[in-house]
Protein backbone atom coordinates (compact mmCIF):
# COMPACT_ATOMS: atom_id res chain seq x y z
CA MET A 1 -15.93 -28.73 13.44
CA SER A 2 -12.69 -30.59 12.74
CA ALA A 3 -10.60 -30.60 9.57
CA THR A 4 -11.91 -34.09 8.79
CA THR A 5 -15.46 -32.71 8.50
CA ASN A 6 -14.51 -29.24 7.27
CA PRO A 7 -11.93 -29.41 4.44
CA ARG A 8 -11.58 -25.61 4.55
CA LEU A 9 -9.58 -25.96 7.76
CA GLY A 10 -5.85 -26.56 7.67
CA ARG A 11 -3.78 -28.87 9.80
CA TYR A 12 -1.50 -28.31 12.73
CA ILE A 13 2.02 -29.68 12.92
CA GLN A 14 3.57 -30.05 16.36
CA LYS A 15 7.09 -28.63 16.55
CA SER A 16 9.57 -28.28 19.37
CA TYR A 17 11.53 -25.06 19.85
CA GLY A 18 13.86 -25.14 22.82
CA ASP A 19 11.92 -26.48 25.77
CA GLU A 20 8.44 -25.67 24.40
CA THR A 21 6.15 -27.39 21.93
CA VAL A 22 4.05 -25.33 19.52
CA LYS A 23 1.48 -26.06 16.84
CA ALA A 24 2.34 -24.57 13.44
CA PHE A 25 -0.61 -24.07 11.11
CA VAL A 26 -0.55 -25.29 7.49
CA PRO A 27 -3.46 -23.98 5.36
CA PRO A 28 -5.12 -26.12 2.68
CA PRO A 29 -4.43 -25.01 -0.92
CA LEU A 30 -6.74 -22.49 -2.60
CA PRO A 31 -9.47 -22.31 -3.74
CA PRO A 32 -11.47 -23.21 -0.62
CA LYS A 33 -13.43 -26.43 -0.59
CA PRO A 34 -16.36 -26.39 -0.45
CA ALA A 35 -16.38 -23.40 -2.79
CA VAL A 36 -17.11 -19.94 -1.47
CA SER A 37 -20.83 -19.16 -1.53
CA LEU A 38 -20.97 -16.11 -3.77
CA GLU A 39 -24.74 -15.64 -3.84
CA PRO A 40 -24.94 -13.66 -0.55
CA LEU A 41 -21.99 -11.57 -1.75
CA GLN A 42 -23.33 -10.90 -5.26
CA HIS A 43 -24.80 -7.44 -4.64
CA LEU A 44 -21.68 -6.29 -2.77
CA LEU A 45 -19.45 -7.76 -5.48
CA GLU A 46 -21.36 -5.80 -8.14
CA GLN A 47 -21.01 -2.59 -6.11
CA ALA A 48 -17.27 -3.18 -5.62
CA ASN A 49 -16.76 -3.86 -9.33
CA GLN A 50 -18.75 -0.78 -10.33
CA SER A 51 -16.86 1.47 -7.91
CA LEU A 52 -13.53 0.06 -9.06
CA GLY A 53 -14.56 0.53 -12.69
CA ARG A 54 -15.51 4.15 -12.08
CA LEU A 55 -12.18 4.78 -10.35
CA ASP A 56 -10.27 3.17 -13.22
CA GLY A 57 -12.31 5.19 -15.73
CA LEU A 58 -11.61 8.41 -13.84
CA ALA A 59 -7.91 7.57 -13.76
CA SER A 60 -7.85 7.17 -17.55
CA VAL A 61 -9.17 10.71 -18.17
CA LEU A 62 -7.33 12.62 -15.44
CA PRO A 63 -5.03 15.21 -17.00
CA ASP A 64 -2.58 14.87 -14.12
CA LEU A 65 -2.77 11.15 -13.42
CA HIS A 66 1.00 10.79 -13.00
CA LEU A 67 0.95 13.44 -10.27
CA LEU A 68 -1.84 11.72 -8.38
CA LEU A 69 -0.19 8.33 -8.76
CA TYR A 70 3.09 9.71 -7.46
CA THR A 71 1.47 10.83 -4.23
CA TYR A 72 -1.10 8.00 -3.96
CA VAL A 73 1.71 5.45 -4.02
CA ARG A 74 3.42 7.32 -1.22
CA LYS A 75 0.23 7.55 0.81
CA GLU A 76 -0.24 3.79 0.54
CA ALA A 77 3.40 3.23 1.53
CA VAL A 78 2.93 5.34 4.67
CA LEU A 79 -0.32 3.60 5.65
CA SER A 80 0.90 0.06 5.02
CA SER A 81 4.06 0.70 7.04
CA GLN A 82 2.04 2.29 9.87
CA ILE A 83 0.07 -0.94 10.24
CA GLU A 84 3.46 -2.59 10.88
CA GLY A 85 4.31 -0.01 13.55
CA THR A 86 6.27 2.81 11.88
CA GLN A 87 5.52 6.37 12.94
CA SER A 88 6.21 8.06 9.58
CA SER A 89 3.71 10.52 8.17
CA LEU A 90 3.29 11.48 4.52
CA SER A 91 5.10 14.75 5.27
CA ASP A 92 8.05 12.81 6.73
CA LEU A 93 8.40 10.77 3.54
CA LEU A 94 8.20 13.83 1.28
CA LEU A 95 10.81 15.64 3.38
CA PHE A 96 13.07 12.58 3.21
CA GLU A 97 12.74 12.42 -0.57
CA ASN A 98 13.66 16.10 -0.77
CA ASP A 99 16.79 15.50 1.32
CA GLU A 100 15.25 17.31 4.28
CA ALA A 101 15.19 15.91 7.82
CA PRO A 102 11.96 14.06 8.66
CA GLY A 103 10.44 14.35 12.13
CA VAL A 104 10.75 10.64 12.96
CA PRO A 105 13.62 8.12 13.15
CA LEU A 106 15.32 7.62 9.78
CA ALA A 107 14.69 3.85 9.93
CA ASP A 108 10.92 4.47 9.86
CA VAL A 109 10.98 6.68 6.80
CA GLN A 110 13.52 4.43 5.01
CA GLU A 111 11.08 1.55 5.44
CA VAL A 112 8.34 3.59 3.78
CA SER A 113 10.68 4.65 0.97
CA ASN A 114 11.52 0.98 0.33
CA TYR A 115 7.80 0.26 -0.06
CA VAL A 116 7.53 2.86 -2.84
CA ALA A 117 10.51 1.31 -4.61
CA ALA A 118 9.06 -2.22 -4.22
CA LEU A 119 5.71 -1.21 -5.68
CA ASN A 120 7.35 0.52 -8.64
CA HIS A 121 9.63 -2.45 -9.27
CA GLY A 122 6.73 -4.89 -9.28
CA LEU A 123 4.63 -2.78 -11.64
CA ASP A 124 7.55 -2.24 -14.03
CA ARG A 125 8.13 -6.01 -14.20
CA LEU A 126 4.42 -6.77 -14.77
CA ARG A 127 4.21 -4.16 -17.53
CA GLY A 128 7.27 -5.71 -19.11
CA GLY A 129 5.36 -8.97 -19.43
CA PHE A 130 6.80 -10.80 -16.41
CA PRO A 131 4.19 -12.99 -14.68
CA LEU A 132 3.10 -12.57 -11.08
CA SER A 133 5.15 -15.50 -9.83
CA LEU A 134 7.21 -16.66 -6.86
CA ARG A 135 10.29 -15.26 -8.57
CA LEU A 136 8.70 -11.83 -8.86
CA ILE A 137 7.39 -11.99 -5.28
CA ARG A 138 10.95 -12.67 -4.08
CA GLU A 139 12.30 -9.80 -6.21
CA ILE A 140 9.74 -7.39 -4.75
CA HIS A 141 10.60 -8.57 -1.25
CA GLN A 142 14.29 -7.97 -1.91
CA VAL A 143 13.54 -4.34 -2.79
CA LEU A 144 11.19 -3.99 0.19
CA LEU A 145 13.94 -4.99 2.64
CA SER A 146 16.89 -3.62 0.70
CA LYS A 147 17.85 -0.85 3.16
CA GLY A 148 17.32 -0.05 6.81
CA ARG A 149 15.17 -2.08 9.17
CA GLY A 150 14.81 -5.74 8.16
CA CYS A 151 17.73 -5.77 5.70
CA GLU A 152 19.37 -8.56 7.71
CA LYS A 153 16.27 -10.79 7.47
CA GLN A 154 16.98 -12.63 4.22
CA PRO A 155 15.64 -10.12 1.66
CA GLY A 156 14.31 -11.95 -1.39
CA GLU A 157 14.49 -15.39 0.25
CA PHE A 158 11.74 -17.54 1.69
CA ARG A 159 12.36 -18.18 5.34
CA THR A 160 14.36 -21.15 6.55
CA SER A 161 13.42 -20.71 10.21
CA GLN A 162 10.17 -20.47 12.14
CA ASN A 163 8.43 -17.13 12.51
CA TRP A 164 5.30 -16.20 14.48
CA ILE A 165 2.76 -13.44 14.94
CA GLY A 166 2.23 -11.82 18.35
CA GLY A 167 4.09 -12.79 21.51
CA THR A 168 7.82 -12.84 22.15
CA ARG A 169 8.44 -16.42 21.02
CA PRO A 170 6.50 -19.21 19.25
CA GLY A 171 5.15 -20.53 22.56
CA THR A 172 3.40 -17.23 23.40
CA ALA A 173 2.38 -16.36 19.83
CA THR A 174 -1.19 -15.65 18.74
CA PHE A 175 -0.47 -17.46 15.45
CA VAL A 176 2.34 -19.73 14.23
CA PRO A 177 2.57 -20.04 10.40
CA PRO A 178 3.74 -23.21 8.58
CA PRO A 179 7.11 -24.67 9.62
CA PRO A 180 10.00 -23.62 7.34
CA GLU A 181 10.32 -27.00 5.60
CA LEU A 182 6.75 -26.63 4.26
CA VAL A 183 6.92 -23.00 3.13
CA LEU A 184 8.00 -23.80 -0.42
CA ASP A 185 5.26 -26.42 -0.85
CA CYS A 186 2.67 -23.92 0.35
CA MET A 187 4.02 -21.21 -1.93
CA ASP A 188 4.09 -23.57 -4.94
CA ASP A 189 0.39 -24.22 -4.38
CA PHE A 190 -0.12 -20.47 -3.98
CA GLU A 191 1.59 -19.77 -7.32
CA LYS A 192 -0.60 -22.38 -9.06
CA PHE A 193 -3.67 -20.59 -7.70
CA LEU A 194 -2.42 -17.23 -8.99
CA HIS A 195 -1.86 -18.63 -12.50
CA GLN A 196 -4.97 -20.81 -12.77
CA ASP A 197 -8.06 -19.30 -14.36
CA TYR A 198 -11.16 -20.08 -12.29
CA PRO A 199 -14.33 -19.13 -14.22
CA GLY A 200 -16.42 -19.36 -11.04
CA ILE A 201 -14.14 -17.05 -9.02
CA PRO A 202 -14.37 -13.31 -9.89
CA LEU A 203 -11.04 -11.52 -9.82
CA LEU A 204 -11.83 -9.42 -6.75
CA VAL A 205 -12.73 -12.59 -4.87
CA LYS A 206 -9.50 -14.19 -6.07
CA ALA A 207 -7.52 -11.18 -4.79
CA GLY A 208 -9.26 -11.44 -1.41
CA LEU A 209 -8.51 -15.16 -1.14
CA ALA A 210 -4.86 -14.69 -2.18
CA HIS A 211 -4.27 -11.95 0.40
CA VAL A 212 -5.37 -14.14 3.30
CA GLN A 213 -3.43 -17.16 2.05
CA PHE A 214 -0.21 -15.18 1.71
CA GLU A 215 -0.62 -13.69 5.20
CA THR A 216 -1.29 -17.17 6.60
CA ILE A 217 1.78 -18.75 4.99
CA HIS A 218 3.90 -15.75 6.08
CA PRO A 219 6.72 -16.95 3.80
CA PHE A 220 9.33 -14.34 4.75
CA LEU A 221 11.00 -13.45 8.03
CA ASP A 222 9.87 -9.83 7.70
CA GLY A 223 7.74 -7.68 5.42
CA ASN A 224 4.88 -10.18 4.97
CA GLY A 225 2.12 -7.72 5.84
CA ARG A 226 3.33 -5.03 3.46
CA LEU A 227 3.93 -7.50 0.63
CA GLY A 228 0.55 -9.16 1.22
CA ARG A 229 -1.16 -5.80 0.76
CA LEU A 230 0.90 -5.05 -2.35
CA LEU A 231 -0.23 -8.35 -3.87
CA ILE A 232 -3.82 -7.08 -4.05
CA THR A 233 -2.74 -4.20 -6.28
CA PHE A 234 -0.43 -6.39 -8.37
CA LEU A 235 -3.18 -8.96 -9.01
CA LEU A 236 -5.62 -6.31 -10.21
CA CYS A 237 -3.02 -4.61 -12.42
CA ALA A 238 -1.71 -7.90 -13.84
CA ALA A 239 -5.26 -8.82 -14.91
CA ASP A 240 -5.85 -5.33 -16.41
CA VAL A 241 -8.78 -4.70 -14.08
CA LEU A 242 -6.82 -1.60 -13.07
CA ARG A 243 -4.72 0.18 -15.66
CA GLU A 244 -2.93 2.14 -12.95
CA PRO A 245 -2.21 1.28 -9.30
CA ILE A 246 -4.81 3.63 -7.88
CA LEU A 247 -6.61 1.28 -5.44
CA TYR A 248 -5.03 0.90 -2.01
CA LEU A 249 -6.71 -0.83 0.91
CA SER A 250 -4.25 -0.01 3.69
CA LEU A 251 -6.32 2.94 4.95
CA TYR A 252 -9.36 0.66 5.24
CA PHE A 253 -7.31 -2.05 6.97
CA LYS A 254 -5.76 0.54 9.29
CA GLN A 255 -9.13 2.05 10.26
CA ASN A 256 -10.65 -1.42 10.79
CA ARG A 257 -7.55 -3.28 11.97
CA THR A 258 -9.27 -5.11 14.87
CA ALA A 259 -11.88 -6.56 12.50
CA TYR A 260 -9.17 -7.22 9.89
CA TYR A 261 -7.08 -9.41 12.20
CA GLU A 262 -10.14 -11.09 13.69
CA LEU A 263 -11.47 -12.07 10.25
CA LEU A 264 -8.09 -13.44 9.14
CA ASN A 265 -8.15 -15.59 12.25
CA ARG A 266 -11.72 -16.76 11.62
CA VAL A 267 -10.71 -18.02 8.18
CA ARG A 268 -7.90 -20.06 9.78
CA THR A 269 -9.86 -21.43 12.72
CA LYS A 270 -13.38 -21.75 11.30
CA GLY A 271 -13.02 -21.57 7.50
CA GLU A 272 -15.22 -18.45 7.37
CA TRP A 273 -14.16 -17.18 3.97
CA GLU A 274 -17.52 -15.52 3.27
CA ALA A 275 -17.24 -13.22 6.31
CA TRP A 276 -13.74 -12.18 5.23
CA LEU A 277 -14.85 -11.55 1.63
CA ASP A 278 -17.78 -9.43 2.81
CA PHE A 279 -15.27 -7.25 4.71
CA PHE A 280 -12.79 -7.21 1.81
CA LEU A 281 -15.33 -6.31 -0.90
CA THR A 282 -16.78 -3.58 1.33
CA GLY A 283 -13.25 -2.18 1.55
CA VAL A 284 -12.78 -2.27 -2.23
CA ARG A 285 -16.10 -0.47 -2.78
CA ASP A 286 -15.59 2.19 -0.11
CA THR A 287 -11.91 2.78 -0.89
CA SER A 288 -12.61 3.14 -4.62
CA GLU A 289 -15.31 5.72 -3.95
CA GLN A 290 -13.09 7.65 -1.52
CA ALA A 291 -10.15 7.63 -3.96
CA ALA A 292 -12.33 8.94 -6.80
CA ALA A 293 -13.76 11.69 -4.59
CA ALA A 294 -10.27 12.70 -3.40
CA ALA A 295 -8.99 12.84 -6.99
CA ARG A 296 -11.84 15.17 -7.97
CA ARG A 297 -11.21 17.41 -4.95
CA ILE A 298 -7.50 17.64 -5.78
CA LEU A 299 -8.25 18.55 -9.40
CA ALA A 300 -10.67 21.26 -8.22
CA VAL A 301 -7.94 22.72 -5.94
CA PHE A 302 -5.41 22.70 -8.80
CA GLU A 303 -7.86 24.39 -11.18
CA ASP A 304 -8.80 27.08 -8.66
CA HIS A 305 -5.16 27.84 -7.86
CA ARG A 306 -4.14 27.90 -11.53
CA ARG A 307 -6.81 30.54 -12.25
CA LYS A 308 -5.61 32.67 -9.34
CA ILE A 309 -1.99 32.47 -10.52
CA GLU A 310 -2.91 33.32 -14.12
CA ALA A 311 -4.62 36.46 -12.81
CA LEU A 312 -1.28 37.72 -11.39
CA GLY A 313 -0.25 39.19 -14.74
CA ARG A 314 3.48 39.47 -15.51
CA PRO A 315 4.80 37.16 -12.71
CA ALA A 316 2.32 34.43 -13.67
CA ALA A 317 4.66 32.51 -16.01
CA SER A 318 7.33 31.94 -13.33
CA VAL A 319 4.80 31.27 -10.58
CA LEU A 320 3.09 28.67 -12.76
CA ARG A 321 6.39 26.81 -13.20
CA VAL A 322 6.86 26.68 -9.43
CA PHE A 323 3.19 25.69 -9.02
CA GLU A 324 3.65 22.79 -11.46
CA HIS A 325 6.68 21.66 -9.47
CA MET A 326 4.75 21.79 -6.19
CA ARG A 327 2.01 19.59 -7.58
CA ARG A 328 4.68 16.91 -7.86
CA ASN A 329 6.43 17.94 -4.63
CA PRO A 330 4.01 19.40 -2.04
CA ILE A 331 6.95 20.15 0.30
CA VAL A 332 9.90 22.13 -1.10
CA SER A 333 12.91 24.24 -0.19
CA ILE A 334 13.96 27.17 -2.37
CA PRO A 335 17.41 25.80 -3.46
CA ALA A 336 16.05 22.35 -4.28
CA ALA A 337 13.12 23.79 -6.26
CA ALA A 338 15.41 26.16 -8.18
CA LYS A 339 17.72 23.29 -9.13
CA GLU A 340 14.87 21.01 -10.12
CA ILE A 341 12.94 23.59 -12.17
CA GLY A 342 16.00 25.22 -13.72
CA ILE A 343 15.23 28.84 -12.77
CA SER A 344 17.06 31.19 -10.42
CA THR A 345 16.79 31.05 -6.65
CA PRO A 346 15.41 34.64 -6.37
CA THR A 347 12.73 33.83 -8.96
CA VAL A 348 11.66 30.75 -7.01
CA ALA A 349 11.63 32.72 -3.75
CA LYS A 350 9.50 35.48 -5.30
CA SER A 351 7.12 32.93 -6.84
CA LEU A 352 6.66 31.18 -3.50
CA GLU A 353 5.98 34.56 -1.93
CA HIS A 354 3.20 35.17 -4.48
CA MET A 355 1.69 31.77 -3.73
CA GLN A 356 1.86 32.46 0.01
CA LYS A 357 -0.01 35.75 -0.45
CA LEU A 358 -2.67 33.88 -2.42
CA GLY A 359 -3.12 31.55 0.58
CA MET A 360 -1.84 28.42 -1.19
CA LEU A 361 1.35 27.76 0.74
CA ARG A 362 2.62 27.78 4.29
CA GLU A 363 6.21 28.34 5.37
CA ALA A 364 6.76 25.57 7.92
CA THR A 365 9.98 26.51 9.75
CA GLY A 366 9.54 30.14 10.81
CA ARG A 367 13.22 30.68 9.91
CA GLN A 368 14.80 33.23 7.59
CA ARG A 369 17.13 30.64 6.07
CA HIS A 370 16.64 26.98 5.02
CA ARG A 371 12.92 27.56 4.79
CA ILE A 372 10.46 24.79 3.86
CA PHE A 373 7.22 25.54 2.00
CA VAL A 374 4.17 23.27 2.20
CA TYR A 375 1.33 23.13 -0.35
CA ASP A 376 -1.23 22.72 2.42
CA ALA A 377 -4.50 22.53 0.49
CA TYR A 378 -3.15 19.69 -1.65
CA LEU A 379 -1.27 17.84 1.08
CA ALA A 380 -4.27 17.97 3.44
CA ILE A 381 -6.38 15.94 0.99
CA LEU A 382 -3.58 13.48 0.30
CA ALA A 383 -2.73 13.02 3.97
CA GLU A 384 -6.26 12.21 5.16
CA GLY A 385 -6.07 9.10 7.33
CA THR A 386 -2.27 8.97 7.46
CA GLU A 387 -1.87 10.17 11.03
CA PRO A 388 0.46 7.69 12.78
CA ILE A 389 -1.16 5.04 14.95
CA ARG A 390 -0.42 5.92 18.58
């Protein structure tokens, strides 16, 4: 079916780059026309909304929400960057943040650290009343590419040259996004869609549509995938569907990345928005349920370990202070923990020893000096699914 008979399809613009001619794809503005058929998706949409609501409700009553958010954000950063090809693990990022050497190239872990900063920047701006706009998207991108890999690729600026996906040049690419002179027009339409209230389009559907459109426009030279995934969270938080950024779809996209890329392509080539939304809403439902279950498991571990520490008697007070610190920092060294907590190095060392004997911690280096302690039971739950893609 051609674009003349299917208005959901975009148009191709023929461009010459060097001695080859390529077709750059320009998507039609959102929302799709004809409108997405929501009736077949209604049951799944209800399930996704219910699961998301339960997750948001759980988040509002968690006594240690800030601790879970701290590590959830980092888990999402690791996963989203892995989809782009980094080899960082959650442990690498936590070591990096504790000024310890990660086990992968520094550029990989810096990229993940930038993602954490970009997410926090975006949420701070939204909570301060700033709208989800092109200006904010550029600000977030600037933070995302502020250091390390990609910092030379126009951070915070829409691209002024052609990019492509797959292949070594536009002529061998699997997909060529809009030419640079049309990026701003496409993004202006995108911004209008973000700001417009569509009574017939539920918010989760709107987030799913926006994600694909952003990935298709690919408005930056680098960082589009990571920013496109962040936009899902920002949209839900900006609309107060989520009070806290506790839903992250990168694990689902990573585990189903072949289907993910195939469905993006089917939207572009066939206008199959319903198939994409079925996949997307399934991800929201399943990810919400997994996140809620993980939060409950983590709380159960904390409660069990707190009771064991309280049963220690006289050392319990100091051990509890170190335990509280390790809930925020599952990987620590003795000097760093002592400085952070404000108690002596010998006290920290003795407290860690108590926790080791209780089976809570593992010393990771095998050395006598410069030892690193890992809160394994906690980190194992957090790190599920974050093994690097090989």
